[in-house]
Amino acid sequence: MTPPDSRPAPLPDGVTLIDLRPEPLRRPLLTDLTAQPVRVVSLDDIETGAHGLTRDLGPLLVVCERGVRSALAARYLRADGLDASAYPGGVPALQEALRGP
């Protein structure tokens, strides 16, 4: 059991989720977990700047399967001038946070 002070935070209001997972790993769908807007973007597109993400999406919260690739993607997006952060722990941590205490 995870101690209460180390649980990931639920999603902040106003964020757009960036689902970094490849198609075969995109279960559960993030749109099934939350009403927040979700965009599916590959790490390759983020690395090359071909992601098509803009500031008008608001803060971006990048989610991957386990949390490692999302940290890298968030760094690239910040370098592109976007307000981006990674969700620590990936989709499993997000599911746990959305389930609540």
N, C-alpha and C. Protein backbone atom coordinates (compact mmCIF):
# COMPACT_ATOMS: atom_id res chain seq x y z
N MET A 1 0.83 -1.18 0.00
CA MET A 1 0.00 0.00 0.00
C MET A 1 0.88 1.24 0.00
N THR A 2 0.50 2.24 -0.78
CA THR A 2 1.28 3.46 -0.91
C THR A 2 0.92 4.42 0.23
N PRO A 3 1.91 4.96 0.94
CA PRO A 3 1.61 5.94 1.98
C PRO A 3 0.91 7.16 1.39
N PRO A 4 -0.06 7.77 2.12
CA PRO A 4 -0.84 8.87 1.58
C PRO A 4 -0.01 10.03 1.06
N ASP A 5 1.12 10.35 1.70
CA ASP A 5 1.89 11.50 1.26
C ASP A 5 2.71 11.24 0.01
N SER A 6 2.79 10.00 -0.46
CA SER A 6 3.56 9.71 -1.67
C SER A 6 2.66 9.39 -2.86
N ARG A 7 1.34 9.50 -2.68
CA ARG A 7 0.41 9.25 -3.78
C ARG A 7 0.54 10.35 -4.82
N PRO A 8 0.45 10.01 -6.10
CA PRO A 8 0.47 11.05 -7.12
C PRO A 8 -0.77 11.95 -6.98
N ALA A 9 -0.60 13.19 -7.35
CA ALA A 9 -1.71 14.13 -7.27
C ALA A 9 -2.71 13.86 -8.38
N PRO A 10 -4.00 14.13 -8.13
CA PRO A 10 -4.96 14.05 -9.23
C PRO A 10 -4.66 15.12 -10.27
N LEU A 11 -5.35 15.08 -11.35
CA LEU A 11 -5.09 16.01 -12.45
C LEU A 11 -5.50 17.43 -12.09
N PRO A 12 -4.62 18.40 -12.34
CA PRO A 12 -5.02 19.79 -12.13
C PRO A 12 -6.03 20.22 -13.19
N ASP A 13 -6.89 21.15 -12.82
CA ASP A 13 -7.87 21.68 -13.78
C ASP A 13 -7.16 22.40 -14.92
N GLY A 14 -7.74 22.33 -16.09
CA GLY A 14 -7.26 23.10 -17.23
C GLY A 14 -6.10 22.51 -18.00
N VAL A 15 -5.66 21.30 -17.66
CA VAL A 15 -4.55 20.71 -18.40
C VAL A 15 -5.06 19.93 -19.60
N THR A 16 -4.22 19.83 -20.60
CA THR A 16 -4.44 18.93 -21.72
C THR A 16 -3.48 17.77 -21.54
N LEU A 17 -4.01 16.57 -21.55
CA LEU A 17 -3.16 15.38 -21.42
C LEU A 17 -2.56 15.03 -22.76
N ILE A 18 -1.30 14.71 -22.75
CA ILE A 18 -0.61 14.23 -23.95
C ILE A 18 -0.30 12.76 -23.72
N ASP A 19 -0.97 11.90 -24.48
CA ASP A 19 -0.77 10.45 -24.36
C ASP A 19 0.37 10.05 -25.29
N LEU A 20 1.46 9.68 -24.69
CA LEU A 20 2.67 9.36 -25.43
C LEU A 20 2.75 7.88 -25.82
N ARG A 21 1.83 7.09 -25.32
CA ARG A 21 1.92 5.64 -25.52
C ARG A 21 1.63 5.24 -26.97
N PRO A 22 2.36 4.23 -27.47
CA PRO A 22 2.06 3.72 -28.82
C PRO A 22 0.72 2.98 -28.81
N GLU A 23 0.13 2.84 -29.95
CA GLU A 23 -1.20 2.23 -30.10
C GLU A 23 -1.39 0.92 -29.32
N PRO A 24 -0.46 -0.03 -29.41
CA PRO A 24 -0.69 -1.30 -28.70
C PRO A 24 -0.77 -1.15 -27.18
N LEU A 25 -0.21 -0.08 -26.63
CA LEU A 25 -0.21 0.12 -25.18
C LEU A 25 -1.26 1.12 -24.72
N ARG A 26 -2.08 1.61 -25.61
CA ARG A 26 -3.02 2.68 -25.28
C ARG A 26 -4.30 2.18 -24.62
N ARG A 27 -4.17 1.27 -23.68
CA ARG A 27 -5.28 0.80 -22.86
C ARG A 27 -4.85 0.91 -21.42
N PRO A 28 -5.62 1.49 -20.56
CA PRO A 28 -6.91 2.10 -20.85
C PRO A 28 -6.73 3.42 -21.60
N LEU A 29 -7.76 3.79 -22.34
CA LEU A 29 -7.75 5.09 -23.00
C LEU A 29 -7.83 6.17 -21.94
N LEU A 30 -7.04 7.22 -22.11
CA LEU A 30 -7.08 8.31 -21.13
C LEU A 30 -8.44 9.00 -21.14
N THR A 31 -9.10 9.00 -22.29
CA THR A 31 -10.43 9.60 -22.36
C THR A 31 -11.45 8.81 -21.55
N ASP A 32 -11.16 7.54 -21.24
CA ASP A 32 -12.03 6.75 -20.37
C ASP A 32 -11.77 7.03 -18.89
N LEU A 33 -10.62 7.63 -18.59
CA LEU A 33 -10.24 7.89 -17.20
C LEU A 33 -10.62 9.29 -16.73
N THR A 34 -10.67 10.24 -17.66
CA THR A 34 -10.88 11.63 -17.29
C THR A 34 -11.60 12.39 -18.39
N ALA A 35 -12.22 13.48 -18.00
CA ALA A 35 -12.89 14.35 -18.98
C ALA A 35 -11.93 15.40 -19.53
N GLN A 36 -10.71 15.45 -19.01
CA GLN A 36 -9.73 16.42 -19.52
C GLN A 36 -9.45 16.13 -21.00
N PRO A 37 -9.15 17.17 -21.77
CA PRO A 37 -8.82 16.93 -23.18
C PRO A 37 -7.54 16.08 -23.31
N VAL A 38 -7.53 15.22 -24.31
CA VAL A 38 -6.40 14.31 -24.53
C VAL A 38 -5.95 14.42 -25.97
N ARG A 39 -4.65 14.50 -26.17
CA ARG A 39 -4.05 14.44 -27.50
C ARG A 39 -3.07 13.29 -27.52
N VAL A 40 -3.09 12.50 -28.58
CA VAL A 40 -2.14 11.40 -28.76
C VAL A 40 -1.02 11.91 -29.66
N VAL A 41 0.20 11.87 -29.13
CA VAL A 41 1.36 12.37 -29.87
C VAL A 41 2.52 11.41 -29.61
N SER A 42 3.30 11.13 -30.63
CA SER A 42 4.44 10.23 -30.45
C SER A 42 5.66 10.99 -29.94
N LEU A 43 6.53 10.29 -29.25
CA LEU A 43 7.77 10.89 -28.79
C LEU A 43 8.61 11.35 -29.98
N ASP A 44 8.59 10.59 -31.07
CA ASP A 44 9.33 10.99 -32.27
C ASP A 44 8.86 12.35 -32.78
N ASP A 45 7.54 12.57 -32.81
CA ASP A 45 7.02 13.86 -33.28
C ASP A 45 7.41 14.98 -32.33
N ILE A 46 7.45 14.69 -31.04
CA ILE A 46 7.86 15.71 -30.08
C ILE A 46 9.34 16.02 -30.25
N GLU A 47 10.17 14.99 -30.42
CA GLU A 47 11.61 15.20 -30.58
C GLU A 47 11.94 16.02 -31.83
N THR A 48 11.18 15.81 -32.89
CA THR A 48 11.47 16.53 -34.15
C THR A 48 10.73 17.86 -34.25
N GLY A 49 9.86 18.17 -33.29
CA GLY A 49 9.10 19.41 -33.33
C GLY A 49 7.88 19.34 -34.22
N ALA A 50 7.50 18.12 -34.66
CA ALA A 50 6.35 17.94 -35.55
C ALA A 50 5.09 17.58 -34.77
N HIS A 51 5.01 17.97 -33.52
CA HIS A 51 3.92 17.56 -32.64
C HIS A 51 2.63 18.34 -32.87
N GLY A 52 2.70 19.54 -33.39
CA GLY A 52 1.50 20.33 -33.65
C GLY A 52 0.83 20.89 -32.41
N LEU A 53 1.49 20.82 -31.27
CA LEU A 53 0.93 21.34 -30.03
C LEU A 53 1.21 22.83 -29.92
N THR A 54 0.25 23.59 -29.38
CA THR A 54 0.40 25.03 -29.28
C THR A 54 0.04 25.51 -27.88
N ARG A 55 0.41 26.73 -27.58
CA ARG A 55 0.15 27.32 -26.25
C ARG A 55 -1.34 27.42 -25.94
N ASP A 56 -2.17 27.53 -26.96
CA ASP A 56 -3.61 27.68 -26.70
C ASP A 56 -4.23 26.43 -26.07
N LEU A 57 -3.50 25.32 -26.02
CA LEU A 57 -3.98 24.11 -25.35
C LEU A 57 -3.87 24.22 -23.84
N GLY A 58 -3.19 25.27 -23.36
CA GLY A 58 -2.97 25.44 -21.93
C GLY A 58 -1.82 24.57 -21.47
N PRO A 59 -1.73 24.36 -20.16
CA PRO A 59 -0.66 23.51 -19.65
C PRO A 59 -0.81 22.09 -20.18
N LEU A 60 0.32 21.48 -20.51
CA LEU A 60 0.33 20.12 -21.04
C LEU A 60 0.85 19.18 -19.97
N LEU A 61 0.19 18.06 -19.80
CA LEU A 61 0.63 17.04 -18.86
C LEU A 61 0.85 15.77 -19.66
N VAL A 62 2.12 15.38 -19.79
CA VAL A 62 2.51 14.25 -20.63
C VAL A 62 2.45 12.97 -19.81
N VAL A 63 1.79 11.95 -20.39
CA VAL A 63 1.64 10.66 -19.71
C VAL A 63 2.14 9.57 -20.64
N CYS A 64 2.94 8.66 -20.08
CA CYS A 64 3.38 7.49 -20.84
C CYS A 64 3.06 6.25 -20.02
N GLU A 65 3.58 5.12 -20.41
CA GLU A 65 3.23 3.87 -19.73
C GLU A 65 3.78 3.80 -18.31
N ARG A 66 5.00 4.23 -18.09
CA ARG A 66 5.61 4.11 -16.76
C ARG A 66 6.17 5.42 -16.21
N GLY A 67 6.25 6.48 -17.02
CA GLY A 67 6.70 7.77 -16.53
C GLY A 67 8.09 8.21 -16.97
N VAL A 68 8.82 7.36 -17.65
CA VAL A 68 10.19 7.71 -18.04
C VAL A 68 10.19 8.55 -19.32
N ARG A 69 9.52 8.08 -20.35
CA ARG A 69 9.51 8.79 -21.63
C ARG A 69 8.78 10.13 -21.54
N SER A 70 7.80 10.21 -20.65
CA SER A 70 7.06 11.46 -20.51
C SER A 70 7.94 12.59 -19.98
N ALA A 71 8.89 12.26 -19.11
CA ALA A 71 9.80 13.29 -18.59
C ALA A 71 10.65 13.86 -19.73
N LEU A 72 11.14 13.00 -20.60
CA LEU A 72 11.92 13.46 -21.75
C LEU A 72 11.06 14.30 -22.68
N ALA A 73 9.85 13.83 -22.98
CA ALA A 73 8.95 14.57 -23.87
C ALA A 73 8.63 15.94 -23.29
N ALA A 74 8.38 16.02 -21.99
CA ALA A 74 8.07 17.31 -21.36
C ALA A 74 9.24 18.27 -21.50
N ARG A 75 10.45 17.77 -21.38
CA ARG A 75 11.63 18.64 -21.57
C ARG A 75 11.69 19.19 -22.98
N TYR A 76 11.44 18.35 -23.98
CA TYR A 76 11.42 18.82 -25.36
C TYR A 76 10.33 19.87 -25.56
N LEU A 77 9.16 19.63 -25.01
CA LEU A 77 8.04 20.57 -25.18
C LEU A 77 8.34 21.90 -24.50
N ARG A 78 8.97 21.87 -23.33
CA ARG A 78 9.36 23.12 -22.67
C ARG A 78 10.39 23.87 -23.52
N ALA A 79 11.29 23.12 -24.16
CA ALA A 79 12.27 23.76 -25.04
C ALA A 79 11.59 24.42 -26.24
N ASP A 80 10.41 23.92 -26.61
CA ASP A 80 9.62 24.52 -27.68
C ASP A 80 8.76 25.67 -27.17
N GLY A 81 8.92 26.04 -25.91
CA GLY A 81 8.19 27.17 -25.35
C GLY A 81 6.82 26.85 -24.79
N LEU A 82 6.53 25.57 -24.60
CA LEU A 82 5.22 25.17 -24.07
C LEU A 82 5.31 24.90 -22.57
N ASP A 83 4.21 25.08 -21.89
CA ASP A 83 4.11 24.78 -20.46
C ASP A 83 3.79 23.29 -20.34
N ALA A 84 4.83 22.49 -20.12
CA ALA A 84 4.66 21.03 -20.12
C ALA A 84 5.32 20.41 -18.90
N SER A 85 4.67 19.38 -18.38
CA SER A 85 5.26 18.60 -17.31
C SER A 85 4.88 17.14 -17.53
N ALA A 86 5.59 16.26 -16.85
CA ALA A 86 5.35 14.82 -16.98
C ALA A 86 4.58 14.34 -15.76
N TYR A 87 3.70 13.38 -15.98
CA TYR A 87 2.98 12.77 -14.87
C TYR A 87 3.85 11.65 -14.32
N PRO A 88 4.32 11.76 -13.07
CA PRO A 88 5.23 10.74 -12.53
C PRO A 88 4.53 9.40 -12.34
N GLY A 89 5.20 8.35 -12.76
CA GLY A 89 4.65 7.01 -12.57
C GLY A 89 3.79 6.51 -13.71
N GLY A 90 3.51 7.36 -14.70
CA GLY A 90 2.77 6.93 -15.87
C GLY A 90 1.31 6.62 -15.61
N VAL A 91 0.72 5.84 -16.50
CA VAL A 91 -0.70 5.53 -16.46
C VAL A 91 -1.10 4.78 -15.17
N PRO A 92 -0.31 3.83 -14.67
CA PRO A 92 -0.71 3.18 -13.43
C PRO A 92 -0.87 4.17 -12.27
N ALA A 93 0.06 5.11 -12.16
CA ALA A 93 -0.03 6.12 -11.09
C ALA A 93 -1.23 7.04 -11.31
N LEU A 94 -1.50 7.38 -12.56
CA LEU A 94 -2.66 8.22 -12.87
C LEU A 94 -3.96 7.50 -12.49
N GLN A 95 -4.06 6.23 -12.83
CA GLN A 95 -5.25 5.45 -12.46
C GLN A 95 -5.43 5.43 -10.94
N GLU A 96 -4.36 5.24 -10.22
CA GLU A 96 -4.42 5.21 -8.76
C GLU A 96 -4.88 6.56 -8.21
N ALA A 97 -4.32 7.64 -8.74
CA ALA A 97 -4.69 8.97 -8.26
C ALA A 97 -6.15 9.29 -8.55
N LEU A 98 -6.65 8.87 -9.70
CA LEU A 98 -8.04 9.16 -10.05
C LEU A 98 -9.02 8.32 -9.26
N ARG A 99 -8.58 7.16 -8.78
CA ARG A 99 -9.44 6.33 -7.93
C ARG A 99 -9.67 6.97 -6.57
N GLY A 100 -8.70 7.79 -6.15
CA GLY A 100 -8.84 8.47 -4.87
C GLY A 100 -8.40 7.61 -3.70
N PRO A 101 -8.50 8.18 -2.50
CA PRO A 101 -8.03 7.48 -1.30
C PRO A 101 -8.84 6.24 -0.97
